[in-house]
Amino acid sequence: MVLHSGIVPGARHEAGEEPAAETARAGAGEIEACLHYEGAENLGPDPSALEELYGEVLRSLGLVWSRPNAYGHGVPFRFPSTPDTGPGLTDAGRELVRECNRLGVLVDLSHLNEKDFWDVAGLTEAPLVATHAGAHALCPASRNLTGRRLDAIRDSDGMVGVNFAAGFLRPDGCDDEDTPLEEIARHWTTWSRGSA
């Protein structure tokens, strides 16, 4: 099995290569993977470092990990809680979103607070993506997505991946290892029907 860097639509590629050509190189039976950073702290306070990391195959970036950094404020883990927990993106965060768009790096909305989310939604030219989240209507954890945010993701032709951590799935917020798979299905079903 061979791993290849992931392909992000609109991204720059080696020697002007089109994304379809890079994808075709992967071949049948091989795994496509991409490098993702959950939290942009390792960029330091200057978004210009993104270009170098892009050259080293970074294709997906979460701006924060549930705590403040140079780019935004994140959403702390609270239950029950609203995701409206603080200010939005910093100036450096806005610049980083624009740089991600220029390079074709996916901006992961997971771990963003309410204001961070809407700042990204207002800036990005790409579909909105949350790689791992739950529906706030089903589990009122601070980092789960409200119906309004889920609608914005849908309307942008984006996507949401389910967070498998029980504390973000269960209505009681308990991190119970015996949580049934039906809890995951409830989130998926809620998203597929529209607003949650």
N, C-alpha and C. Protein backbone atom coordinates (compact mmCIF):
# COMPACT_ATOMS: atom_id res chain seq x y z
N MET A 1 0.83 -1.17 0.00
CA MET A 1 0.00 0.00 0.00
C MET A 1 0.88 1.25 0.00
N VAL A 2 0.48 2.25 -0.74
CA VAL A 2 1.24 3.49 -0.84
C VAL A 2 0.37 4.64 -0.36
N LEU A 3 0.93 5.53 0.43
CA LEU A 3 0.20 6.72 0.86
C LEU A 3 0.58 7.88 -0.04
N HIS A 4 -0.40 8.65 -0.43
CA HIS A 4 -0.17 9.85 -1.23
C HIS A 4 -0.74 11.04 -0.49
N SER A 5 -0.19 12.21 -0.76
CA SER A 5 -0.77 13.40 -0.15
C SER A 5 -2.15 13.62 -0.71
N GLY A 6 -3.03 14.16 0.10
CA GLY A 6 -4.41 14.40 -0.32
C GLY A 6 -4.49 15.49 -1.36
N ILE A 7 -5.56 15.48 -2.09
CA ILE A 7 -5.79 16.45 -3.15
C ILE A 7 -6.89 17.39 -2.68
N VAL A 8 -6.60 18.65 -2.69
CA VAL A 8 -7.59 19.66 -2.32
C VAL A 8 -7.92 20.45 -3.57
N PRO A 9 -9.20 20.50 -3.97
CA PRO A 9 -9.56 21.24 -5.19
C PRO A 9 -9.03 22.67 -5.16
N GLY A 10 -8.45 23.09 -6.26
CA GLY A 10 -7.95 24.45 -6.38
C GLY A 10 -6.54 24.62 -5.83
N ALA A 11 -5.97 23.58 -5.24
CA ALA A 11 -4.65 23.69 -4.65
C ALA A 11 -3.58 23.71 -5.74
N ARG A 12 -2.43 24.30 -5.40
CA ARG A 12 -1.29 24.26 -6.31
C ARG A 12 -0.69 22.86 -6.25
N HIS A 13 -0.07 22.44 -7.32
CA HIS A 13 0.51 21.11 -7.36
C HIS A 13 1.88 21.18 -8.01
N GLU A 14 2.63 20.10 -7.91
CA GLU A 14 3.98 20.05 -8.44
C GLU A 14 4.04 20.45 -9.91
N ALA A 15 4.96 21.32 -10.23
CA ALA A 15 5.27 21.71 -11.60
C ALA A 15 4.03 22.01 -12.43
N GLY A 16 3.06 22.68 -11.83
CA GLY A 16 1.86 23.07 -12.56
C GLY A 16 0.91 21.92 -12.85
N GLU A 17 1.14 20.79 -12.24
CA GLU A 17 0.32 19.61 -12.48
C GLU A 17 -1.13 19.86 -12.04
N GLU A 18 -2.06 19.40 -12.82
CA GLU A 18 -3.47 19.53 -12.48
C GLU A 18 -3.82 18.53 -11.38
N PRO A 19 -4.78 18.86 -10.50
CA PRO A 19 -5.16 17.92 -9.44
C PRO A 19 -5.58 16.56 -9.97
N ALA A 20 -6.26 16.51 -11.10
CA ALA A 20 -6.69 15.23 -11.65
C ALA A 20 -5.49 14.34 -11.99
N ALA A 21 -4.41 14.95 -12.48
CA ALA A 21 -3.21 14.18 -12.81
C ALA A 21 -2.58 13.62 -11.55
N GLU A 22 -2.53 14.43 -10.49
CA GLU A 22 -1.95 13.96 -9.23
C GLU A 22 -2.80 12.83 -8.66
N THR A 23 -4.12 12.97 -8.75
CA THR A 23 -5.01 11.93 -8.26
C THR A 23 -4.83 10.65 -9.08
N ALA A 24 -4.69 10.78 -10.38
CA ALA A 24 -4.54 9.61 -11.24
C ALA A 24 -3.27 8.84 -10.90
N ARG A 25 -2.23 9.55 -10.46
CA ARG A 25 -0.98 8.88 -10.08
C ARG A 25 -1.19 7.93 -8.92
N ALA A 26 -2.17 8.20 -8.07
CA ALA A 26 -2.37 7.38 -6.88
C ALA A 26 -2.68 5.94 -7.25
N GLY A 27 -3.47 5.73 -8.27
CA GLY A 27 -3.76 4.38 -8.73
C GLY A 27 -4.77 3.65 -7.87
N ALA A 28 -5.31 2.61 -8.42
CA ALA A 28 -6.32 1.82 -7.73
C ALA A 28 -5.68 1.04 -6.58
N GLY A 29 -6.41 0.91 -5.50
CA GLY A 29 -5.96 0.12 -4.37
C GLY A 29 -4.98 0.82 -3.45
N GLU A 30 -4.67 2.07 -3.72
CA GLU A 30 -3.77 2.81 -2.86
C GLU A 30 -4.57 3.78 -2.00
N ILE A 31 -4.03 4.14 -0.88
CA ILE A 31 -4.71 5.01 0.07
C ILE A 31 -4.31 6.46 -0.18
N GLU A 32 -5.30 7.32 -0.22
CA GLU A 32 -5.05 8.76 -0.27
C GLU A 32 -5.09 9.28 1.17
N ALA A 33 -4.16 10.09 1.55
CA ALA A 33 -4.14 10.67 2.88
C ALA A 33 -3.62 12.10 2.77
N CYS A 34 -3.97 12.90 3.74
CA CYS A 34 -3.42 14.25 3.75
C CYS A 34 -2.98 14.60 5.16
N LEU A 35 -2.02 15.48 5.25
CA LEU A 35 -1.53 15.94 6.54
C LEU A 35 -2.47 17.02 7.06
N HIS A 36 -2.93 16.86 8.30
CA HIS A 36 -3.83 17.81 8.94
C HIS A 36 -3.22 18.23 10.27
N TYR A 37 -3.22 19.53 10.53
CA TYR A 37 -2.83 20.03 11.85
C TYR A 37 -4.08 20.48 12.56
N GLU A 38 -4.29 19.99 13.76
CA GLU A 38 -5.42 20.41 14.57
C GLU A 38 -4.92 21.48 15.54
N GLY A 39 -5.06 22.71 15.11
CA GLY A 39 -4.51 23.85 15.85
C GLY A 39 -3.30 24.37 15.10
N ALA A 40 -3.28 25.67 14.86
CA ALA A 40 -2.22 26.27 14.05
C ALA A 40 -1.07 26.82 14.89
N GLU A 41 -0.98 26.40 16.14
CA GLU A 41 0.08 26.91 17.02
C GLU A 41 1.47 26.70 16.45
N ASN A 42 1.69 25.56 15.79
CA ASN A 42 3.04 25.27 15.29
C ASN A 42 3.45 26.16 14.12
N LEU A 43 2.52 26.95 13.59
CA LEU A 43 2.90 27.94 12.57
C LEU A 43 3.62 29.12 13.21
N GLY A 44 3.46 29.27 14.53
CA GLY A 44 3.93 30.47 15.18
C GLY A 44 2.94 31.59 14.90
N PRO A 45 3.26 32.80 15.27
CA PRO A 45 2.29 33.90 15.11
C PRO A 45 2.21 34.48 13.70
N ASP A 46 3.00 33.95 12.76
CA ASP A 46 3.04 34.51 11.41
C ASP A 46 2.46 33.53 10.40
N PRO A 47 1.32 33.87 9.78
CA PRO A 47 0.70 32.96 8.82
C PRO A 47 1.55 32.64 7.59
N SER A 48 2.62 33.40 7.36
CA SER A 48 3.43 33.14 6.17
C SER A 48 4.14 31.78 6.25
N ALA A 49 4.25 31.21 7.44
CA ALA A 49 4.86 29.88 7.59
C ALA A 49 4.03 28.79 6.91
N LEU A 50 2.78 29.09 6.60
CA LEU A 50 1.90 28.10 5.97
C LEU A 50 2.47 27.62 4.63
N GLU A 51 3.06 28.52 3.87
CA GLU A 51 3.59 28.15 2.55
C GLU A 51 4.62 27.03 2.66
N GLU A 52 5.52 27.13 3.63
CA GLU A 52 6.53 26.08 3.80
C GLU A 52 5.87 24.76 4.19
N LEU A 53 4.91 24.80 5.10
CA LEU A 53 4.22 23.57 5.51
C LEU A 53 3.41 22.98 4.36
N TYR A 54 2.86 23.84 3.52
CA TYR A 54 2.16 23.37 2.33
C TYR A 54 3.13 22.58 1.44
N GLY A 55 4.33 23.10 1.30
CA GLY A 55 5.35 22.40 0.52
C GLY A 55 5.71 21.05 1.10
N GLU A 56 5.45 20.88 2.39
CA GLU A 56 5.71 19.60 3.07
C GLU A 56 4.42 18.77 3.19
N VAL A 57 3.44 19.02 2.37
CA VAL A 57 2.17 18.30 2.17
C VAL A 57 1.05 18.62 3.16
N LEU A 58 1.13 19.70 3.92
CA LEU A 58 -0.01 20.09 4.75
C LEU A 58 -1.15 20.49 3.82
N ARG A 59 -2.31 19.85 3.98
CA ARG A 59 -3.46 20.15 3.11
C ARG A 59 -4.72 20.47 3.89
N SER A 60 -4.67 20.37 5.22
CA SER A 60 -5.84 20.61 6.05
C SER A 60 -5.38 21.19 7.38
N LEU A 61 -6.09 22.23 7.84
CA LEU A 61 -5.64 22.95 9.03
C LEU A 61 -6.82 23.38 9.89
N GLY A 62 -6.79 23.00 11.15
CA GLY A 62 -7.71 23.56 12.13
C GLY A 62 -7.04 24.79 12.72
N LEU A 63 -7.70 25.91 12.70
CA LEU A 63 -7.07 27.16 13.15
C LEU A 63 -6.75 27.14 14.63
N VAL A 64 -7.60 26.50 15.42
CA VAL A 64 -7.43 26.45 16.87
C VAL A 64 -7.76 25.04 17.36
N TRP A 65 -7.37 24.77 18.59
CA TRP A 65 -7.81 23.55 19.25
C TRP A 65 -8.40 23.94 20.60
N SER A 66 -9.60 24.41 20.59
CA SER A 66 -10.39 24.68 21.80
C SER A 66 -9.69 25.56 22.83
N ARG A 67 -8.80 26.37 22.39
CA ARG A 67 -8.15 27.34 23.28
C ARG A 67 -7.61 28.47 22.40
N PRO A 68 -7.39 29.62 22.98
CA PRO A 68 -6.89 30.75 22.18
C PRO A 68 -5.48 30.51 21.66
N ASN A 69 -5.23 31.06 20.48
CA ASN A 69 -3.88 31.12 19.95
C ASN A 69 -3.77 32.41 19.14
N ALA A 70 -2.73 32.56 18.36
CA ALA A 70 -2.51 33.80 17.60
C ALA A 70 -3.57 34.03 16.53
N TYR A 71 -4.37 33.01 16.21
CA TYR A 71 -5.28 33.09 15.08
C TYR A 71 -6.76 33.19 15.46
N GLY A 72 -7.12 32.69 16.62
CA GLY A 72 -8.52 32.72 17.03
C GLY A 72 -8.64 32.31 18.48
N HIS A 73 -9.87 32.07 18.89
CA HIS A 73 -10.09 31.84 20.32
C HIS A 73 -10.59 30.45 20.65
N GLY A 74 -11.07 29.72 19.70
CA GLY A 74 -11.51 28.36 19.98
C GLY A 74 -12.69 28.32 20.93
N VAL A 75 -13.20 27.13 21.11
CA VAL A 75 -14.33 26.94 22.01
C VAL A 75 -13.90 25.96 23.09
N PRO A 76 -13.97 26.37 24.35
CA PRO A 76 -13.59 25.45 25.43
C PRO A 76 -14.59 24.30 25.55
N PHE A 77 -14.15 23.20 26.11
CA PHE A 77 -15.04 22.06 26.31
C PHE A 77 -15.95 22.35 27.51
N ARG A 78 -17.22 22.61 27.22
CA ARG A 78 -18.20 22.87 28.28
C ARG A 78 -19.49 22.13 27.95
N PHE A 79 -20.16 21.68 28.98
CA PHE A 79 -21.46 21.03 28.82
C PHE A 79 -22.30 21.32 30.04
N PRO A 80 -23.53 21.71 29.85
CA PRO A 80 -24.09 22.25 28.61
C PRO A 80 -23.58 23.67 28.41
N SER A 81 -23.52 24.08 27.17
CA SER A 81 -23.03 25.43 26.87
C SER A 81 -23.35 25.80 25.43
N THR A 82 -23.46 27.06 25.22
CA THR A 82 -23.54 27.61 23.88
C THR A 82 -22.13 27.67 23.28
N PRO A 83 -22.00 27.65 21.96
CA PRO A 83 -20.68 27.83 21.36
C PRO A 83 -20.24 29.29 21.30
N ASP A 84 -21.10 30.18 21.75
CA ASP A 84 -20.79 31.61 21.73
C ASP A 84 -19.98 31.95 22.98
N THR A 85 -18.67 31.65 22.92
CA THR A 85 -17.83 31.71 24.11
C THR A 85 -16.72 32.75 24.06
N GLY A 86 -16.72 33.62 23.08
CA GLY A 86 -15.66 34.62 23.05
C GLY A 86 -15.53 35.29 21.70
N PRO A 87 -14.46 36.08 21.56
CA PRO A 87 -14.27 36.82 20.31
C PRO A 87 -13.92 35.90 19.14
N GLY A 88 -13.90 36.47 17.96
CA GLY A 88 -13.63 35.71 16.74
C GLY A 88 -12.17 35.70 16.36
N LEU A 89 -11.93 35.57 15.07
CA LEU A 89 -10.56 35.49 14.55
C LEU A 89 -9.79 36.78 14.82
N THR A 90 -8.51 36.62 14.99
CA THR A 90 -7.62 37.77 15.08
C THR A 90 -7.29 38.23 13.65
N ASP A 91 -6.59 39.34 13.53
CA ASP A 91 -6.16 39.78 12.19
C ASP A 91 -5.28 38.72 11.54
N ALA A 92 -4.40 38.10 12.34
CA ALA A 92 -3.55 37.03 11.81
C ALA A 92 -4.40 35.84 11.38
N GLY A 93 -5.48 35.56 12.10
CA GLY A 93 -6.39 34.48 11.72
C GLY A 93 -7.07 34.74 10.40
N ARG A 94 -7.49 35.97 10.19
CA ARG A 94 -8.10 36.33 8.90
C ARG A 94 -7.10 36.17 7.76
N GLU A 95 -5.87 36.61 8.02
CA GLU A 95 -4.82 36.47 7.01
C GLU A 95 -4.55 34.99 6.72
N LEU A 96 -4.57 34.16 7.77
CA LEU A 96 -4.32 32.73 7.60
C LEU A 96 -5.42 32.08 6.77
N VAL A 97 -6.67 32.45 6.97
CA VAL A 97 -7.76 31.90 6.16
C VAL A 97 -7.56 32.27 4.69
N ARG A 98 -7.20 33.52 4.42
CA ARG A 98 -6.96 33.94 3.03
C ARG A 98 -5.79 33.15 2.42
N GLU A 99 -4.75 32.92 3.22
CA GLU A 99 -3.59 32.17 2.73
C GLU A 99 -3.97 30.70 2.48
N CYS A 100 -4.78 30.13 3.34
CA CYS A 100 -5.28 28.76 3.11
C CYS A 100 -6.04 28.70 1.80
N ASN A 101 -6.89 29.68 1.55
CA ASN A 101 -7.64 29.72 0.30
C ASN A 101 -6.71 29.83 -0.90
N ARG A 102 -5.70 30.66 -0.81
CA ARG A 102 -4.76 30.85 -1.92
C ARG A 102 -4.04 29.54 -2.26
N LEU A 103 -3.64 28.81 -1.22
CA LEU A 103 -2.88 27.58 -1.42
C LEU A 103 -3.77 26.36 -1.67
N GLY A 104 -5.03 26.45 -1.28
CA GLY A 104 -5.92 25.30 -1.39
C GLY A 104 -5.88 24.41 -0.17
N VAL A 105 -5.53 24.96 0.98
CA VAL A 105 -5.52 24.20 2.24
C VAL A 105 -6.92 24.27 2.84
N LEU A 106 -7.47 23.12 3.18
CA LEU A 106 -8.78 23.05 3.79
C LEU A 106 -8.74 23.69 5.18
N VAL A 107 -9.71 24.54 5.48
CA VAL A 107 -9.84 25.15 6.81
C VAL A 107 -10.88 24.35 7.59
N ASP A 108 -10.43 23.66 8.63
CA ASP A 108 -11.32 22.83 9.45
C ASP A 108 -12.00 23.71 10.50
N LEU A 109 -13.32 23.69 10.52
CA LEU A 109 -14.10 24.51 11.44
C LEU A 109 -14.30 23.86 12.81
N SER A 110 -13.86 22.63 12.98
CA SER A 110 -13.98 21.97 14.28
C SER A 110 -13.20 22.77 15.31
N HIS A 111 -13.71 22.87 16.49
CA HIS A 111 -13.09 23.58 17.63
C HIS A 111 -13.21 25.09 17.56
N LEU A 112 -13.89 25.63 16.56
CA LEU A 112 -14.07 27.08 16.51
C LEU A 112 -15.29 27.50 17.32
N ASN A 113 -15.19 28.64 17.98
CA ASN A 113 -16.37 29.16 18.66
C ASN A 113 -17.28 29.82 17.63
N GLU A 114 -18.40 30.32 18.09
CA GLU A 114 -19.42 30.89 17.19
C GLU A 114 -18.84 32.02 16.32
N LYS A 115 -18.17 32.96 16.94
CA LYS A 115 -17.65 34.11 16.18
C LYS A 115 -16.52 33.70 15.23
N ASP A 116 -15.63 32.81 15.69
CA ASP A 116 -14.58 32.29 14.79
C ASP A 116 -15.22 31.68 13.54
N PHE A 117 -16.24 30.84 13.76
CA PHE A 117 -16.92 30.15 12.66
C PHE A 117 -17.43 31.15 11.63
N TRP A 118 -18.17 32.16 12.10
CA TRP A 118 -18.78 33.11 11.15
C TRP A 118 -17.73 34.00 10.51
N ASP A 119 -16.62 34.26 11.20
CA ASP A 119 -15.52 34.99 10.56
C ASP A 119 -14.96 34.19 9.39
N VAL A 120 -14.72 32.89 9.61
CA VAL A 120 -14.22 32.04 8.52
C VAL A 120 -15.25 31.98 7.39
N ALA A 121 -16.51 31.76 7.74
CA ALA A 121 -17.56 31.65 6.72
C ALA A 121 -17.63 32.92 5.86
N GLY A 122 -17.39 34.06 6.45
CA GLY A 122 -17.43 35.31 5.72
C GLY A 122 -16.21 35.57 4.85
N LEU A 123 -15.12 34.90 5.15
CA LEU A 123 -13.86 35.12 4.43
C LEU A 123 -13.55 34.08 3.36
N THR A 124 -13.88 32.84 3.65
CA THR A 124 -13.41 31.75 2.80
C THR A 124 -14.10 31.72 1.44
N GLU A 125 -13.37 31.23 0.48
CA GLU A 125 -13.91 31.02 -0.87
C GLU A 125 -14.19 29.53 -1.08
N ALA A 126 -13.89 28.72 -0.09
CA ALA A 126 -14.01 27.27 -0.20
C ALA A 126 -15.26 26.79 0.54
N PRO A 127 -15.71 25.58 0.24
CA PRO A 127 -16.80 25.00 1.03
C PRO A 127 -16.41 24.91 2.51
N LEU A 128 -17.39 25.06 3.38
CA LEU A 128 -17.16 24.97 4.82
C LEU A 128 -17.08 23.51 5.23
N VAL A 129 -16.10 23.17 6.06
CA VAL A 129 -15.88 21.79 6.48
C VAL A 129 -15.59 21.75 7.98
N ALA A 130 -16.30 20.87 8.68
CA ALA A 130 -15.98 20.54 10.06
C ALA A 130 -15.66 19.04 10.06
N THR A 131 -14.42 18.69 10.31
CA THR A 131 -14.02 17.29 10.16
C THR A 131 -14.57 16.39 11.26
N HIS A 132 -14.87 16.96 12.42
CA HIS A 132 -15.41 16.14 13.51
C HIS A 132 -16.23 17.01 14.45
N ALA A 133 -17.53 16.76 14.45
CA ALA A 133 -18.45 17.57 15.25
C ALA A 133 -19.71 16.78 15.54
N GLY A 134 -20.55 17.36 16.36
CA GLY A 134 -21.86 16.81 16.67
C GLY A 134 -22.91 17.89 16.49
N ALA A 135 -24.16 17.50 16.57
CA ALA A 135 -25.28 18.45 16.46
C ALA A 135 -25.59 18.99 17.85
N HIS A 136 -25.50 20.30 18.01
CA HIS A 136 -25.75 20.94 19.30
C HIS A 136 -27.17 20.67 19.80
N ALA A 137 -28.12 20.54 18.89
CA ALA A 137 -29.51 20.27 19.29
C ALA A 137 -29.66 18.91 19.97
N LEU A 138 -28.76 17.98 19.67
CA LEU A 138 -28.83 16.64 20.26
C LEU A 138 -27.93 16.49 21.49
N CYS A 139 -26.86 17.25 21.51
CA CYS A 139 -25.92 17.22 22.63
C CYS A 139 -25.38 18.64 22.78
N PRO A 140 -25.86 19.38 23.79
CA PRO A 140 -25.50 20.80 23.89
C PRO A 140 -24.10 21.06 24.45
N ALA A 141 -23.12 20.39 23.86
CA ALA A 141 -21.72 20.67 24.18
C ALA A 141 -21.30 21.92 23.42
N SER A 142 -20.45 22.71 24.02
CA SER A 142 -20.06 23.99 23.43
C SER A 142 -19.45 23.85 22.04
N ARG A 143 -18.75 22.76 21.75
CA ARG A 143 -18.08 22.67 20.45
C ARG A 143 -18.93 21.99 19.38
N ASN A 144 -20.15 21.60 19.70
CA ASN A 144 -21.03 21.04 18.67
C ASN A 144 -21.64 22.15 17.83
N LEU A 145 -22.08 21.79 16.64
CA LEU A 145 -22.57 22.76 15.66
C LEU A 145 -24.06 23.03 15.83
N THR A 146 -24.40 24.30 15.88
CA THR A 146 -25.80 24.70 15.92
C THR A 146 -26.45 24.48 14.56
N GLY A 147 -27.76 24.48 14.53
CA GLY A 147 -28.48 24.32 13.27
C GLY A 147 -28.11 25.37 12.25
N ARG A 148 -27.93 26.59 12.70
CA ARG A 148 -27.57 27.68 11.78
C ARG A 148 -26.20 27.42 11.14
N ARG A 149 -25.26 26.92 11.93
CA ARG A 149 -23.93 26.63 11.37
C ARG A 149 -23.99 25.41 10.44
N LEU A 150 -24.77 24.39 10.82
CA LEU A 150 -24.93 23.24 9.92
C LEU A 150 -25.56 23.66 8.60
N ASP A 151 -26.53 24.56 8.66
CA ASP A 151 -27.15 25.06 7.43
C ASP A 151 -26.12 25.79 6.56
N ALA A 152 -25.26 26.59 7.18
CA ALA A 152 -24.23 27.31 6.43
C ALA A 152 -23.27 26.34 5.75
N ILE A 153 -22.91 25.27 6.45
CA ILE A 153 -22.02 24.26 5.86
C ILE A 153 -22.71 23.61 4.66
N ARG A 154 -23.96 23.21 4.85
CA ARG A 154 -24.72 22.61 3.74
C ARG A 154 -24.83 23.58 2.57
N ASP A 155 -25.17 24.82 2.84
CA ASP A 155 -25.37 25.80 1.77
C ASP A 155 -24.08 26.11 1.01
N SER A 156 -22.93 25.83 1.61
CA SER A 156 -21.65 26.06 0.93
C SER A 156 -21.18 24.82 0.17
N ASP A 157 -22.02 23.77 0.16
CA ASP A 157 -21.63 22.47 -0.40
C ASP A 157 -20.47 21.86 0.38
N GLY A 158 -20.44 22.14 1.68
CA GLY A 158 -19.39 21.62 2.54
C GLY A 158 -19.74 20.26 3.10
N MET A 159 -19.05 19.88 4.17
CA MET A 159 -19.29 18.58 4.79
C MET A 159 -18.97 18.63 6.28
N VAL A 160 -19.57 17.67 6.99
CA VAL A 160 -19.33 17.50 8.42
C VAL A 160 -19.00 16.04 8.67
N GLY A 161 -17.94 15.81 9.43
CA GLY A 161 -17.62 14.46 9.89
C GLY A 161 -18.09 14.31 11.33
N VAL A 162 -18.53 13.13 11.69
CA VAL A 162 -19.05 12.89 13.04
C VAL A 162 -17.89 12.75 14.03
N ASN A 163 -18.03 13.41 15.16
CA ASN A 163 -17.10 13.25 16.27
C ASN A 163 -17.53 12.00 17.04
N PHE A 164 -16.67 11.02 17.15
CA PHE A 164 -17.02 9.76 17.79
C PHE A 164 -16.86 9.79 19.30
N ALA A 165 -16.42 10.89 19.87
CA ALA A 165 -16.28 10.98 21.33
C ALA A 165 -17.67 11.03 21.96
N ALA A 166 -17.96 10.10 22.85
CA ALA A 166 -19.30 9.96 23.43
C ALA A 166 -19.80 11.24 24.08
N GLY A 167 -18.93 12.00 24.70
CA GLY A 167 -19.34 13.23 25.38
C GLY A 167 -19.87 14.30 24.45
N PHE A 168 -19.65 14.14 23.15
CA PHE A 168 -20.17 15.09 22.16
C PHE A 168 -21.33 14.49 21.37
N LEU A 169 -21.75 13.29 21.76
CA LEU A 169 -22.85 12.61 21.08
C LEU A 169 -24.08 12.46 21.97
N ARG A 170 -23.85 12.19 23.23
CA ARG A 170 -24.94 11.86 24.15
C ARG A 170 -25.69 13.10 24.63
N PRO A 171 -27.00 13.02 24.77
CA PRO A 171 -27.77 14.16 25.27
C PRO A 171 -27.36 14.61 26.67
N ASP A 172 -26.81 13.68 27.46
CA ASP A 172 -26.39 14.02 28.83
C ASP A 172 -24.92 14.44 28.90
N GLY A 173 -24.21 14.40 27.77
CA GLY A 173 -22.82 14.83 27.72
C GLY A 173 -21.84 13.91 28.43
N CYS A 174 -22.29 12.74 28.85
CA CYS A 174 -21.41 11.80 29.57
C CYS A 174 -20.45 11.11 28.61
N ASP A 175 -19.23 10.94 29.06
CA ASP A 175 -18.22 10.25 28.26
C ASP A 175 -18.25 8.77 28.64
N ASP A 176 -19.30 8.10 28.21
CA ASP A 176 -19.56 6.71 28.59
C ASP A 176 -19.12 5.78 27.46
N GLU A 177 -18.17 4.90 27.76
CA GLU A 177 -17.65 4.00 26.72
C GLU A 177 -18.69 3.02 26.20
N ASP A 178 -19.80 2.86 26.91
CA ASP A 178 -20.87 1.96 26.46
C ASP A 178 -21.95 2.70 25.67
N THR A 179 -21.63 3.85 25.15
CA THR A 179 -22.59 4.61 24.34
C THR A 179 -22.91 3.82 23.07
N PRO A 180 -24.19 3.61 22.79
CA PRO A 180 -24.56 2.82 21.61
C PRO A 180 -24.29 3.57 20.30
N LEU A 181 -24.04 2.81 19.26
CA LEU A 181 -23.80 3.39 17.93
C LEU A 181 -24.99 4.22 17.45
N GLU A 182 -26.15 3.96 17.98
CA GLU A 182 -27.34 4.73 17.58
C GLU A 182 -27.17 6.22 17.86
N GLU A 183 -26.34 6.57 18.84
CA GLU A 183 -26.09 7.99 19.11
C GLU A 183 -25.40 8.66 17.93
N ILE A 184 -24.47 7.95 17.30
CA ILE A 184 -23.82 8.48 16.10
C ILE A 184 -24.86 8.63 14.99
N ALA A 185 -25.68 7.62 14.83
CA ALA A 185 -26.70 7.64 13.78
C ALA A 185 -27.68 8.79 13.98
N ARG A 186 -28.00 9.12 15.22
CA ARG A 186 -28.92 10.24 15.49
C ARG A 186 -28.35 11.55 14.95
N HIS A 187 -27.06 11.76 15.13
CA HIS A 187 -26.43 12.99 14.63
C HIS A 187 -26.46 13.01 13.10
N TRP A 188 -26.09 11.90 12.50
CA TRP A 188 -26.09 11.81 11.04
C TRP A 188 -27.49 12.06 10.49
N THR A 189 -28.49 11.43 11.07
CA THR A 189 -29.87 11.58 10.61
C THR A 189 -30.33 13.02 10.76
N THR A 190 -29.98 13.64 11.86
CA THR A 190 -30.36 15.04 12.09
C THR A 190 -29.74 15.94 11.03
N TRP A 191 -28.46 15.74 10.72
CA TRP A 191 -27.79 16.56 9.72
C TRP A 191 -28.42 16.37 8.35
N SER A 192 -28.72 15.13 8.02
CA SER A 192 -29.23 14.85 6.68
C SER A 192 -30.62 15.41 6.45
N ARG A 193 -31.34 15.72 7.53
CA ARG A 193 -32.68 16.30 7.41
C ARG A 193 -32.66 17.82 7.34
N GLY A 194 -31.53 18.42 7.60
CA GLY A 194 -31.48 19.88 7.58
C GLY A 194 -31.15 20.43 8.94
N SER A 195 -31.68 21.56 9.28
CA SER A 195 -31.34 22.26 10.52
C SER A 195 -31.44 21.35 11.73
N ALA A 196 -30.47 21.50 12.60
CA ALA A 196 -30.47 20.72 13.85
C ALA A 196 -30.55 21.67 15.02
